[in-house]
Amino acid sequence: MVRLVALAGLAALSSLYNAAFADAGELLRVQGHLMRWAPESAGGKTVITYSILRGPYQVESGKNILSPSNCARMHAFAAIVAKSPGITEEEAKNELQAAFRTWESVADIAFAEVNDPSLANIVIGAADDPGGRAFANLSYRSEKGLTPVTMALGKPDASASPVLNDKRGDGSIVPIDQAYVCLNPKSRWKTGFDGNLDVYDLRHTFTHEVGHAIGLDHPDSTGAVMAFRYDERVRDLQPSDIAGVQRLYGAHAAAE
């Protein structure tokens, strides 16, 4: 069975986010186990594929199975900036690429684009029916096998223990099965910080949501890219952001 962790995105004002299985701290957990993308081989760089949607996409759901909220139905990435005068689809893609490079610059991971969203690790697009500005959802496999992605509600199902990955030798990792990042196409977006907290910067938002998609939670403290509150005083990854991603994937050679 595939279980899903639903994560609300950044907020300018204080509010709660729905993240089943997420412990307080900087790393996402399932029943106490860390979540991460599994490397192809022990000790190797973790390559994470992604797909930028060019059309509609719906997360498969079976009878009596709830789809993930917010990112359950998405459409073309270009729609994200439909209500953002002066920002083109290409510029939005450039901001997404910059977000990927931000994480690559500090951790032993690499992002690679694929055309088919069904084969991608991370699917990125515009939300059909968003309840906020930006979201990330994560799925993982349980010992009961493969089922349509469902929304994780409340406490973990004790009868559906996650399948753990032992490639690192500690047997404590829950491999992420697939992730979704979706932004609200009804919101206005910008490139760069100008002090207006009513309009969010695309690069900052993508960096935050991709952080969730690779296994990072909201930290307890503020003043970090992964903090729950949108803050234009935070332009770069902070020590807690870097420590979290390096704990999951190791440090980039240039950062050692």
Protein backbone atom coordinates (compact mmCIF):
# COMPACT_ATOMS: atom_id res chain seq x y z
CA MET A 1 0.00 0.00 0.00
CA VAL A 2 1.19 3.51 -0.74
CA ARG A 3 0.63 6.02 2.03
CA LEU A 4 0.83 9.76 1.52
CA VAL A 5 2.16 12.57 3.66
CA ALA A 6 0.34 15.81 2.81
CA LEU A 7 2.26 19.03 3.46
CA ALA A 8 0.89 22.53 3.33
CA GLY A 9 3.19 25.14 1.88
CA LEU A 10 4.45 28.47 3.13
CA ALA A 11 2.21 30.88 4.97
CA ALA A 12 2.64 34.60 5.55
CA LEU A 13 0.49 34.40 8.68
CA SER A 14 0.61 31.84 11.46
CA SER A 15 -1.46 28.69 10.79
CA LEU A 16 -1.21 24.95 11.12
CA TYR A 17 -0.21 22.52 8.38
CA ASN A 18 -1.52 19.00 7.80
CA ALA A 19 1.47 16.66 7.79
CA ALA A 20 0.55 13.21 9.00
CA PHE A 21 3.58 11.29 10.33
CA ALA A 22 5.75 14.45 10.44
CA ASP A 23 7.58 14.86 13.73
CA ALA A 24 8.53 18.25 15.11
CA GLY A 25 11.98 19.03 13.81
CA GLU A 26 13.69 19.30 10.46
CA LEU A 27 13.25 15.79 9.00
CA LEU A 28 10.10 13.98 7.92
CA ARG A 29 9.47 10.65 9.63
CA VAL A 30 7.12 7.68 9.30
CA GLN A 31 6.65 5.74 12.53
CA GLY A 32 9.96 7.17 13.72
CA HIS A 33 11.86 6.31 10.52
CA LEU A 34 13.42 8.98 8.30
CA MET A 35 12.02 9.52 4.80
CA ARG A 36 14.39 9.96 1.85
CA TRP A 37 14.94 9.00 -1.77
CA ALA A 38 16.98 5.82 -1.95
CA PRO A 39 20.27 5.97 -3.90
CA GLU A 40 20.69 3.59 -6.85
CA SER A 41 23.66 1.98 -5.12
CA ALA A 42 25.17 2.08 -1.66
CA GLY A 43 27.32 5.17 -1.30
CA GLY A 44 26.26 6.57 -4.67
CA LYS A 45 24.82 10.00 -5.45
CA THR A 46 21.05 10.12 -5.19
CA VAL A 47 19.53 11.10 -8.56
CA ILE A 48 15.96 12.38 -8.25
CA THR A 49 13.93 12.70 -11.44
CA TYR A 50 11.20 15.25 -11.97
CA SER A 51 8.61 16.08 -14.60
CA ILE A 52 7.15 19.49 -15.42
CA LEU A 53 3.53 19.01 -16.41
CA ARG A 54 2.48 20.01 -19.91
CA GLY A 55 -1.12 18.92 -19.48
CA PRO A 56 -3.61 17.54 -16.97
CA TYR A 57 -2.48 14.94 -14.44
CA GLN A 58 -4.45 13.04 -11.84
CA VAL A 59 -3.10 10.88 -9.06
CA GLU A 60 -4.69 7.45 -9.41
CA SER A 61 -7.16 6.52 -6.70
CA GLY A 62 -9.17 3.37 -6.20
CA LYS A 63 -12.65 2.70 -4.88
CA ASN A 64 -13.19 4.18 -1.42
CA ILE A 65 -9.62 5.56 -1.50
CA LEU A 66 -9.04 9.26 -0.90
CA SER A 67 -6.68 11.06 -3.25
CA PRO A 68 -4.08 13.45 -1.82
CA SER A 69 -5.44 16.91 -1.17
CA ASN A 70 -4.37 19.91 -3.26
CA CYS A 71 -2.07 18.01 -5.64
CA ALA A 72 -4.53 15.19 -6.45
CA ARG A 73 -5.39 16.87 -9.75
CA MET A 74 -2.95 19.14 -11.50
CA HIS A 75 -2.55 20.77 -14.88
CA ALA A 76 0.16 22.39 -16.95
CA PHE A 77 3.04 24.11 -15.15
CA ALA A 78 2.55 27.18 -17.37
CA ALA A 79 -0.73 27.94 -15.62
CA ILE A 80 1.12 28.72 -12.38
CA VAL A 81 2.00 32.20 -13.66
CA ALA A 82 -1.24 32.85 -15.55
CA LYS A 83 -2.17 35.62 -13.11
CA SER A 84 1.36 36.93 -12.69
CA PRO A 85 1.89 39.71 -15.27
CA GLY A 86 5.45 39.97 -16.50
CA ILE A 87 6.47 36.41 -15.61
CA THR A 88 6.70 33.86 -18.43
CA GLU A 89 6.58 30.09 -18.20
CA GLU A 90 10.27 29.97 -19.09
CA GLU A 91 11.14 32.35 -16.28
CA ALA A 92 9.15 30.21 -13.84
CA LYS A 93 11.05 27.13 -15.02
CA ASN A 94 14.32 28.99 -14.49
CA GLU A 95 13.30 29.68 -10.89
CA LEU A 96 12.51 25.99 -10.41
CA GLN A 97 15.90 25.03 -11.84
CA ALA A 98 17.57 27.49 -9.47
CA ALA A 99 15.75 25.82 -6.56
CA PHE A 100 17.10 22.43 -7.62
CA ARG A 101 20.63 23.85 -7.87
CA THR A 102 20.29 25.31 -4.39
CA TRP A 103 19.85 21.84 -2.87
CA GLU A 104 22.43 20.25 -5.19
CA SER A 105 25.03 22.79 -4.06
CA VAL A 106 25.04 21.51 -0.48
CA ALA A 107 24.07 17.83 -0.70
CA ASP A 108 25.08 14.72 -2.64
CA ILE A 109 21.96 14.74 -4.81
CA ALA A 110 21.19 15.58 -8.43
CA PHE A 111 17.91 16.36 -10.18
CA ALA A 112 17.20 15.12 -13.72
CA GLU A 113 14.18 15.97 -15.87
CA VAL A 114 12.05 13.28 -17.55
CA ASN A 115 9.12 13.85 -19.90
CA ASP A 116 6.72 11.20 -18.58
CA PRO A 117 5.24 12.25 -15.22
CA SER A 118 4.24 8.67 -14.44
CA LEU A 119 7.94 7.77 -14.42
CA ALA A 120 9.12 10.81 -12.47
CA ASN A 121 10.04 10.87 -8.80
CA ILE A 122 8.60 14.38 -8.43
CA VAL A 123 5.65 15.69 -10.48
CA ILE A 124 5.35 19.50 -10.65
CA GLY A 125 2.41 21.53 -11.89
CA ALA A 126 -0.51 23.83 -11.13
CA ALA A 127 -3.11 22.65 -8.63
CA ASP A 128 -6.66 22.22 -9.95
CA ASP A 129 -8.43 23.02 -6.69
CA PRO A 130 -5.89 24.44 -4.23
CA GLY A 131 -6.64 25.28 -0.63
CA GLY A 132 -3.64 27.57 -0.28
CA ARG A 133 -0.60 28.84 -2.16
CA ALA A 134 1.80 25.90 -2.51
CA PHE A 135 1.95 22.27 -1.45
CA ALA A 136 4.05 19.12 -1.48
CA ASN A 137 2.83 15.54 -1.02
CA LEU A 138 4.94 12.43 -0.41
CA SER A 139 4.05 8.77 -0.81
CA TYR A 140 5.76 5.63 0.45
CA ARG A 141 5.17 1.88 0.29
CA SER A 142 3.92 -0.29 3.10
CA GLU A 143 4.40 -4.01 3.59
CA LYS A 144 0.91 -4.65 2.17
CA GLY A 145 2.11 -3.93 -1.35
CA LEU A 146 1.24 -1.35 -3.99
CA THR A 147 -2.13 0.42 -3.98
CA PRO A 148 -3.27 3.80 -5.31
CA VAL A 149 -1.85 6.80 -3.48
CA THR A 150 -4.06 7.79 -0.57
CA MET A 151 -4.11 10.73 1.77
CA ALA A 152 -2.61 10.01 5.15
CA LEU A 153 -5.02 11.05 7.85
CA GLY A 154 -4.29 11.03 11.55
CA LYS A 155 -1.87 8.52 13.00
CA PRO A 156 -0.04 5.91 10.90
CA ASP A 157 -1.88 2.63 10.32
CA ALA A 158 -0.16 0.24 12.71
CA SER A 159 -1.13 -2.66 10.46
CA ALA A 160 0.61 -1.13 7.43
CA SER A 161 4.23 -0.78 8.47
CA PRO A 162 6.44 0.96 5.91
CA VAL A 163 8.88 -1.06 3.82
CA LEU A 164 12.33 0.05 4.98
CA ASN A 165 15.48 0.50 2.95
CA ASP A 166 18.71 -1.07 4.23
CA LYS A 167 21.14 0.14 1.57
CA ARG A 168 22.75 2.46 4.11
CA GLY A 169 23.16 -0.45 6.49
CA ASP A 170 20.99 0.92 9.28
CA GLY A 171 17.59 -0.39 8.19
CA SER A 172 15.92 2.83 9.29
CA ILE A 173 15.03 4.63 6.05
CA VAL A 174 11.55 4.77 4.51
CA PRO A 175 12.10 5.26 0.77
CA ILE A 176 9.90 7.93 -0.79
CA ASP A 177 7.84 6.39 -3.59
CA GLN A 178 6.71 9.55 -5.37
CA ALA A 179 6.25 13.22 -4.60
CA TYR A 180 4.08 16.03 -5.95
CA VAL A 181 4.68 19.79 -5.89
CA CYS A 182 1.81 22.03 -6.92
CA LEU A 183 1.35 25.79 -6.83
CA ASN A 184 -1.88 27.76 -6.88
CA PRO A 185 -2.48 29.24 -10.36
CA LYS A 186 -4.98 31.71 -8.87
CA SER A 187 -2.25 33.34 -6.81
CA ARG A 188 0.08 36.05 -8.04
CA TRP A 189 3.80 35.19 -8.03
CA LYS A 190 6.96 37.24 -8.37
CA THR A 191 10.69 36.83 -8.94
CA GLY A 192 12.80 38.50 -6.28
CA PHE A 193 12.09 39.96 -2.86
CA ASP A 194 10.43 43.36 -2.58
CA GLY A 195 9.00 43.27 0.94
CA ASN A 196 5.45 42.47 -0.20
CA LEU A 197 4.49 39.35 1.75
CA ASP A 198 1.18 39.06 -0.11
CA VAL A 199 3.00 37.93 -3.26
CA TYR A 200 5.45 35.06 -2.88
CA ASP A 201 8.77 34.71 -4.66
CA LEU A 202 8.83 31.66 -6.96
CA ARG A 203 12.40 30.59 -6.27
CA HIS A 204 11.95 30.72 -2.50
CA THR A 205 8.64 28.81 -2.77
CA PHE A 206 10.03 26.14 -5.09
CA THR A 207 13.07 25.69 -2.86
CA HIS A 208 10.81 25.20 0.17
CA GLU A 209 8.46 22.72 -1.54
CA VAL A 210 11.30 20.74 -3.14
CA GLY A 211 12.79 20.55 0.35
CA HIS A 212 9.64 18.75 1.47
CA ALA A 213 9.77 16.52 -1.62
CA ILE A 214 13.22 15.27 -0.61
CA GLY A 215 12.34 14.58 3.02
CA LEU A 216 12.60 17.81 5.02
CA ASP A 217 10.00 18.95 7.53
CA HIS A 218 9.29 22.41 8.92
CA PRO A 219 11.85 23.06 11.68
CA ASP A 220 10.76 24.18 15.12
CA SER A 221 12.51 27.51 14.70
CA THR A 222 11.86 30.31 12.21
CA GLY A 223 14.44 32.03 10.03
CA ALA A 224 15.10 29.11 7.66
CA VAL A 225 14.03 28.31 4.10
CA MET A 226 12.11 25.30 5.44
CA ALA A 227 10.37 27.34 8.15
CA PHE A 228 6.59 27.39 7.89
CA ARG A 229 6.33 31.16 7.70
CA TYR A 230 7.22 32.93 4.44
CA ASP A 231 10.03 35.35 5.28
CA GLU A 232 11.84 37.56 2.76
CA ARG A 233 14.69 38.12 5.18
CA VAL A 234 15.76 34.53 4.43
CA ARG A 235 17.36 34.49 1.00
CA ASP A 236 19.65 31.48 1.22
CA LEU A 237 19.70 28.06 2.88
CA GLN A 238 20.31 28.36 6.60
CA PRO A 239 22.34 26.02 8.85
CA SER A 240 19.26 23.98 9.81
CA ASP A 241 18.29 23.53 6.14
CA ILE A 242 21.79 22.38 5.24
CA ALA A 243 22.17 20.11 8.26
CA GLY A 244 18.88 18.41 7.46
CA VAL A 245 19.54 17.67 3.80
CA GLN A 246 23.11 16.57 4.50
CA ARG A 247 21.92 14.17 7.17
CA LEU A 248 19.73 12.51 4.55
CA TYR A 249 22.04 12.62 1.52
CA GLY A 250 25.53 13.59 2.63
CA ALA A 251 27.46 16.73 1.83
CA HIS A 252 28.31 17.97 -1.65
CA ALA A 253 32.04 17.70 -2.29
CA ALA A 254 32.33 21.48 -2.67
CA ALA A 255 30.72 21.98 0.74
CA GLU A 256 33.02 19.62 2.61
